[in-house]
Structure formats: structure tokens, C-alpha cells
Amino acid sequence: MPIIVNVDVMMAKRKMSLNELSEKVDLTLSNLSILKTGKAKAVRFSTLDAICRALDCQPGDVLEYRSE
């Protein structure tokens, strides 16, 4: 899939653990892990908004398009 999820990169830049992000975003660890590993089929805008707020970033920092 040409959409790359860079949640793990942004978490590393912010020195934030998956547990900490999970609490701030109010998502279960398993759902956040699915998103982080790029296995998610969709992302709600409200979830993306919460992730961007927690990581102090833009949606383009979390999602990236690469042509195949």
C-alpha cells in the first residue's frame, strides 16, 4: 500500500512510549499498535486529530504517500 504511517517515527522524535500515546489519545494499545504498524485499513479524522495533538505534529508528519 502506498500510504505509510509514521506514528512510530513521530513517537521516537517526541520520546513518547506507546502506552503514553495510548493514554493521551484514548485508544487501546492494540488499536494503536495496528495503526502504528501500518495494518489499519482506515483512520478516523478524530483519531488523527488526537494523535496530532498528542505528538504536536501535522497530519503529513504521520501519514506519507509513496508511489509503488
C-alpha atoms as a PDB file:
ATOM      1  CA  MET A   1       0.000   0.000   0.000  1.00  0.00           C
ATOM      2  CA  PRO A   2       1.415   3.398  -0.911  1.00  0.00           C
ATOM      3  CA  ILE A   3       0.264   5.078   2.342  1.00  0.00           C
ATOM      4  CA  ILE A   4       2.969   4.894   5.014  1.00  0.00           C
ATOM      5  CA  VAL A   5       2.099   5.504   8.678  1.00  0.00           C
ATOM      6  CA  ASN A   6       4.930   7.241  10.548  1.00  0.00           C
ATOM      7  CA  VAL A   7       3.434   7.235  14.046  1.00  0.00           C
ATOM      8  CA  ASP A   8       6.445   5.320  15.360  1.00  0.00           C
ATOM      9  CA  VAL A   9       8.842   7.897  13.873  1.00  0.00           C
ATOM     10  CA  MET A  10       6.971  10.785  15.481  1.00  0.00           C
ATOM     11  CA  MET A  11       6.780   8.919  18.794  1.00  0.00           C
ATOM     12  CA  ALA A  12      10.547   8.424  18.729  1.00  0.00           C
ATOM     13  CA  LYS A  13      11.133  12.117  17.930  1.00  0.00           C
ATOM     14  CA  ARG A  14       8.909  13.082  20.881  1.00  0.00           C
ATOM     15  CA  LYS A  15      10.390  10.331  23.110  1.00  0.00           C
ATOM     16  CA  MET A  16       6.894   9.038  23.797  1.00  0.00           C
ATOM     17  CA  SER A  17       6.001   5.434  24.541  1.00  0.00           C
ATOM     18  CA  LEU A  18       3.089   3.559  23.019  1.00  0.00           C
ATOM     19  CA  ASN A  19       1.470   3.406  26.468  1.00  0.00           C
ATOM     20  CA  GLU A  20       1.753   7.173  26.920  1.00  0.00           C
ATOM     21  CA  LEU A  21       0.333   7.912  23.465  1.00  0.00           C
ATOM     22  CA  SER A  22      -2.458   5.405  24.056  1.00  0.00           C
ATOM     23  CA  GLU A  23      -3.494   7.253  27.219  1.00  0.00           C
ATOM     24  CA  LYS A  24      -3.306  10.699  25.590  1.00  0.00           C
ATOM     25  CA  VAL A  25      -5.253   9.644  22.500  1.00  0.00           C
ATOM     26  CA  ASP A  26      -7.683   7.388  24.395  1.00  0.00           C
ATOM     27  CA  LEU A  27      -7.134   4.381  22.122  1.00  0.00           C
ATOM     28  CA  THR A  28      -6.441   0.836  23.187  1.00  0.00           C
ATOM     29  CA  LEU A  29      -2.876  -0.384  22.841  1.00  0.00           C
ATOM     30  CA  SER A  30      -3.962  -2.980  20.287  1.00  0.00           C
ATOM     31  CA  ASN A  31      -5.724  -0.426  18.046  1.00  0.00           C
ATOM     32  CA  LEU A  32      -2.820   1.984  18.281  1.00  0.00           C
ATOM     33  CA  SER A  33      -0.399  -0.834  17.508  1.00  0.00           C
ATOM     34  CA  ILE A  34      -2.407  -1.785  14.398  1.00  0.00           C
ATOM     35  CA  LEU A  35      -2.201   1.820  13.228  1.00  0.00           C
ATOM     36  CA  LYS A  36       1.488   2.145  14.098  1.00  0.00           C
ATOM     37  CA  THR A  37       2.459  -0.961  12.147  1.00  0.00           C
ATOM     38  CA  GLY A  38       0.545   0.185   9.065  1.00  0.00           C
ATOM     39  CA  LYS A  39      -2.007  -2.637   9.222  1.00  0.00           C
ATOM     40  CA  ALA A  40      -5.001  -0.309   9.666  1.00  0.00           C
ATOM     41  CA  LYS A  41      -7.406  -0.052   6.734  1.00  0.00           C
ATOM     42  CA  ALA A  42      -8.735   3.367   7.763  1.00  0.00           C
ATOM     43  CA  VAL A  43      -8.177   6.195  10.243  1.00  0.00           C
ATOM     44  CA  ARG A  44     -10.897   8.437  11.608  1.00  0.00           C
ATOM     45  CA  PHE A  45     -10.228  12.154  11.418  1.00  0.00           C
ATOM     46  CA  SER A  46     -10.939  12.403  15.139  1.00  0.00           C
ATOM     47  CA  THR A  47      -8.217   9.809  15.810  1.00  0.00           C
ATOM     48  CA  LEU A  48      -5.783  11.592  13.510  1.00  0.00           C
ATOM     49  CA  ASP A  49      -6.615  14.868  15.250  1.00  0.00           C
ATOM     50  CA  ALA A  50      -5.943  13.342  18.680  1.00  0.00           C
ATOM     51  CA  ILE A  51      -2.637  11.832  17.519  1.00  0.00           C
ATOM     52  CA  CYS A  52      -1.503  15.138  16.020  1.00  0.00           C
ATOM     53  CA  ARG A  53      -2.411  16.975  19.240  1.00  0.00           C
ATOM     54  CA  ALA A  54      -0.601  14.439  21.415  1.00  0.00           C
ATOM     55  CA  LEU A  55       2.514  14.425  19.220  1.00  0.00           C
ATOM     56  CA  ASP A  56       2.358  18.148  18.396  1.00  0.00           C
ATOM     57  CA  CYS A  57       2.611  17.494  14.664  1.00  0.00           C
ATOM     58  CA  GLN A  58       0.746  17.822  11.378  1.00  0.00           C
ATOM     59  CA  PRO A  59      -1.161  15.004   9.606  1.00  0.00           C
ATOM     60  CA  GLY A  60       1.550  14.973   6.939  1.00  0.00           C
ATOM     61  CA  ASP A  61       4.082  14.081   9.634  1.00  0.00           C
ATOM     62  CA  VAL A  62       2.076  10.967  10.484  1.00  0.00           C
ATOM     63  CA  LEU A  63       0.866   9.893   7.020  1.00  0.00           C
ATOM     64  CA  GLU A  64       3.029   9.737   3.914  1.00  0.00           C
ATOM     65  CA  TYR A  65       2.241   8.780   0.304  1.00  0.00           C
ATOM     66  CA  ARG A  66       4.779   6.801  -1.704  1.00  0.00           C
ATOM     67  CA  SER A  67       4.026   5.671  -5.228  1.00  0.00           C
ATOM     68  CA  GLU A  68       4.593   1.995  -5.846  1.00  0.00           C
END
